[in-house]
Amino acid sequence: MLAIALIAVLLALAVLHLYWGFGGYWPGHDAASLREMVVGARGARMYGLGPSAMVAGALTAAAAVVVVRHSAVMTSGFGWVFTAGYIVLILVFGLRGLAPYLTSIFDYSRGTAFFDLNRHIYAPLCLALAVGLVFDYPGGLGNVLRKL
């Protein structure tokens, strides 16, 4: 069940990035307001299809790692690749989730909607994904942590 939730969230985020790449404005009302909400830059246009598609591709690849973790591939000689993928995903989402609270990396966006959304929605979502990946980790890291 956890894997299904992880896959669903990752794919939903990928679709959202593609939507933005193809010109969608939600949750903004135009390109400038969208960029202020999801990037933290005022008065500029939103990124185009290329960067948005790259993020969507990375999120889709992350979902694929979770799918493969629950397949027969894990018992083959390639299982270590996906175990390593889990470690990378845990680090990426964990560090992205902690960054607004422990570093000044997002201070450029103070005073924008992004700054608050990042601290209240985006970063906690990344942390939730990292924790979910820890508990779904190949080899039972989640089982080890549950026993503590």
Protein backbone atom coordinates (compact mmCIF):
# COMPACT_ATOMS: atom_id res chain seq x y z
CA MET A 1 0.00 0.00 0.00
CA LEU A 2 2.84 2.40 0.81
CA ALA A 3 4.44 1.74 -2.58
CA ILE A 4 1.17 2.55 -4.35
CA ALA A 5 0.92 5.85 -2.47
CA LEU A 6 4.55 6.73 -3.31
CA ILE A 7 4.03 5.89 -6.99
CA ALA A 8 0.77 7.86 -7.14
CA VAL A 9 2.29 10.98 -5.58
CA LEU A 10 5.42 10.85 -7.75
CA LEU A 11 3.37 10.40 -10.94
CA ALA A 12 0.91 13.14 -9.93
CA LEU A 13 3.84 15.51 -9.44
CA ALA A 14 5.23 14.48 -12.83
CA VAL A 15 1.88 15.20 -14.50
CA LEU A 16 1.69 18.58 -12.73
CA HIS A 17 5.14 19.53 -14.05
CA LEU A 18 4.11 18.51 -17.58
CA TYR A 19 0.94 20.56 -17.22
CA TRP A 20 3.09 23.57 -16.36
CA GLY A 21 5.43 22.78 -19.23
CA PHE A 22 2.56 22.82 -21.70
CA GLY A 23 1.40 26.21 -20.42
CA GLY A 24 -0.93 25.44 -17.51
CA TYR A 25 -1.19 28.13 -14.84
CA TRP A 26 -2.73 26.42 -11.82
CA PRO A 27 -2.34 27.32 -8.98
CA GLY A 28 -1.53 30.74 -10.47
CA HIS A 29 -3.61 32.75 -12.91
CA ASP A 30 -0.87 33.58 -15.41
CA ALA A 31 2.76 32.67 -16.09
CA ALA A 32 4.16 35.35 -13.77
CA SER A 33 1.95 34.41 -10.80
CA LEU A 34 2.68 30.72 -11.35
CA ARG A 35 6.43 31.36 -11.35
CA GLU A 36 6.12 33.36 -8.13
CA MET A 37 4.27 30.44 -6.51
CA VAL A 38 6.42 27.53 -7.68
CA VAL A 39 9.85 29.11 -8.24
CA GLY A 40 9.84 32.22 -6.08
CA ALA A 41 10.73 34.73 -8.80
CA ARG A 42 8.58 37.78 -9.41
CA GLY A 43 7.54 39.19 -12.74
CA ALA A 44 9.13 36.53 -14.91
CA ARG A 45 7.67 33.86 -17.15
CA MET A 46 7.43 30.28 -16.00
CA TYR A 47 9.98 27.76 -17.21
CA GLY A 48 9.15 26.16 -20.55
CA LEU A 49 8.49 22.60 -21.63
CA GLY A 50 12.14 21.50 -21.61
CA PRO A 51 12.93 22.08 -17.92
CA SER A 52 9.44 21.00 -16.85
CA ALA A 53 9.73 17.79 -18.87
CA MET A 54 13.12 17.04 -17.30
CA VAL A 55 11.62 17.31 -13.81
CA ALA A 56 8.63 15.21 -14.91
CA GLY A 57 11.01 12.61 -16.32
CA ALA A 58 13.00 12.49 -13.08
CA LEU A 59 9.81 12.06 -11.04
CA THR A 60 8.60 9.32 -13.39
CA ALA A 61 11.97 7.57 -13.07
CA ALA A 62 11.62 7.78 -9.28
CA ALA A 63 8.20 6.14 -9.53
CA ALA A 64 9.72 3.44 -11.77
CA VAL A 65 12.35 2.70 -9.11
CA VAL A 66 9.54 2.10 -6.62
CA VAL A 67 7.68 -0.13 -9.11
CA VAL A 68 10.77 -2.20 -9.85
CA ARG A 69 11.54 -2.53 -6.12
CA HIS A 70 8.38 -4.63 -5.88
CA SER A 71 9.14 -6.80 -8.92
CA ALA A 72 11.16 -9.91 -9.68
CA VAL A 73 14.02 -7.72 -10.92
CA MET A 74 15.05 -7.24 -7.28
CA THR A 75 16.05 -10.93 -7.08
CA SER A 76 18.20 -10.68 -10.20
CA GLY A 77 21.73 -9.38 -10.46
CA PHE A 78 20.37 -5.88 -11.07
CA GLY A 79 18.61 -5.53 -7.72
CA TRP A 80 21.51 -3.52 -6.31
CA VAL A 81 20.91 -0.79 -8.92
CA PHE A 82 17.42 -0.18 -7.59
CA THR A 83 18.56 -0.43 -3.99
CA ALA A 84 21.09 2.28 -4.80
CA GLY A 85 18.30 4.21 -6.51
CA TYR A 86 16.33 4.14 -3.28
CA ILE A 87 19.28 5.56 -1.37
CA VAL A 88 19.62 8.37 -3.91
CA LEU A 89 15.89 9.13 -3.77
CA ILE A 90 15.88 9.18 0.04
CA LEU A 91 18.81 11.59 0.02
CA VAL A 92 17.37 13.84 -2.71
CA PHE A 93 13.91 14.15 -1.17
CA GLY A 94 15.27 14.30 2.37
CA LEU A 95 17.77 17.05 1.60
CA ARG A 96 15.23 18.98 -0.52
CA GLY A 97 12.76 18.73 2.34
CA LEU A 98 15.22 19.89 5.00
CA ALA A 99 16.83 22.67 2.95
CA PRO A 100 14.31 25.44 3.69
CA TYR A 101 14.62 24.86 7.43
CA LEU A 102 18.38 24.33 7.73
CA THR A 103 19.90 26.52 5.02
CA SER A 104 19.41 29.93 3.48
CA ILE A 105 19.20 28.51 -0.05
CA PHE A 106 15.61 29.69 -0.53
CA ASP A 107 16.03 33.11 1.09
CA TYR A 108 16.01 34.66 -2.40
CA SER A 109 12.26 34.02 -2.42
CA ARG A 110 11.36 35.84 0.82
CA GLY A 111 8.20 37.83 0.33
CA THR A 112 6.83 35.58 -2.40
CA ALA A 113 4.10 32.98 -2.20
CA PHE A 114 6.74 30.33 -2.91
CA PHE A 115 8.59 31.04 0.31
CA ASP A 116 5.56 30.20 2.46
CA LEU A 117 4.34 27.38 0.21
CA ASN A 118 7.81 25.85 0.30
CA ARG A 119 7.92 25.83 4.10
CA HIS A 120 4.33 24.61 4.55
CA ILE A 121 3.69 22.31 1.57
CA TYR A 122 6.62 21.59 -0.77
CA ALA A 123 9.30 20.78 1.82
CA PRO A 124 6.98 18.70 4.05
CA LEU A 125 5.87 16.75 0.97
CA CYS A 126 9.50 16.02 0.11
CA LEU A 127 10.14 14.90 3.70
CA ALA A 128 7.05 12.68 3.60
CA LEU A 129 8.31 11.10 0.36
CA ALA A 130 11.73 10.51 1.94
CA VAL A 131 10.19 8.87 5.01
CA GLY A 132 7.91 6.78 2.81
CA LEU A 133 10.90 5.62 0.80
CA VAL A 134 12.77 4.73 4.00
CA PHE A 135 9.91 2.51 5.13
CA ASP A 136 9.59 0.94 1.68
CA TYR A 137 13.36 0.49 1.33
CA PRO A 138 14.57 -2.81 -0.21
CA GLY A 139 15.97 -5.20 2.33
CA GLY A 140 13.65 -4.08 5.06
CA LEU A 141 15.06 -0.83 6.47
CA GLY A 142 11.47 0.08 7.26
CA ASN A 143 11.13 -3.18 9.20
CA VAL A 144 14.29 -2.40 11.16
CA LEU A 145 13.05 1.09 12.04
CA ARG A 146 9.60 -0.22 13.03
CA LYS A 147 11.26 -2.50 15.59
CA LEU A 148 13.12 0.36 17.30
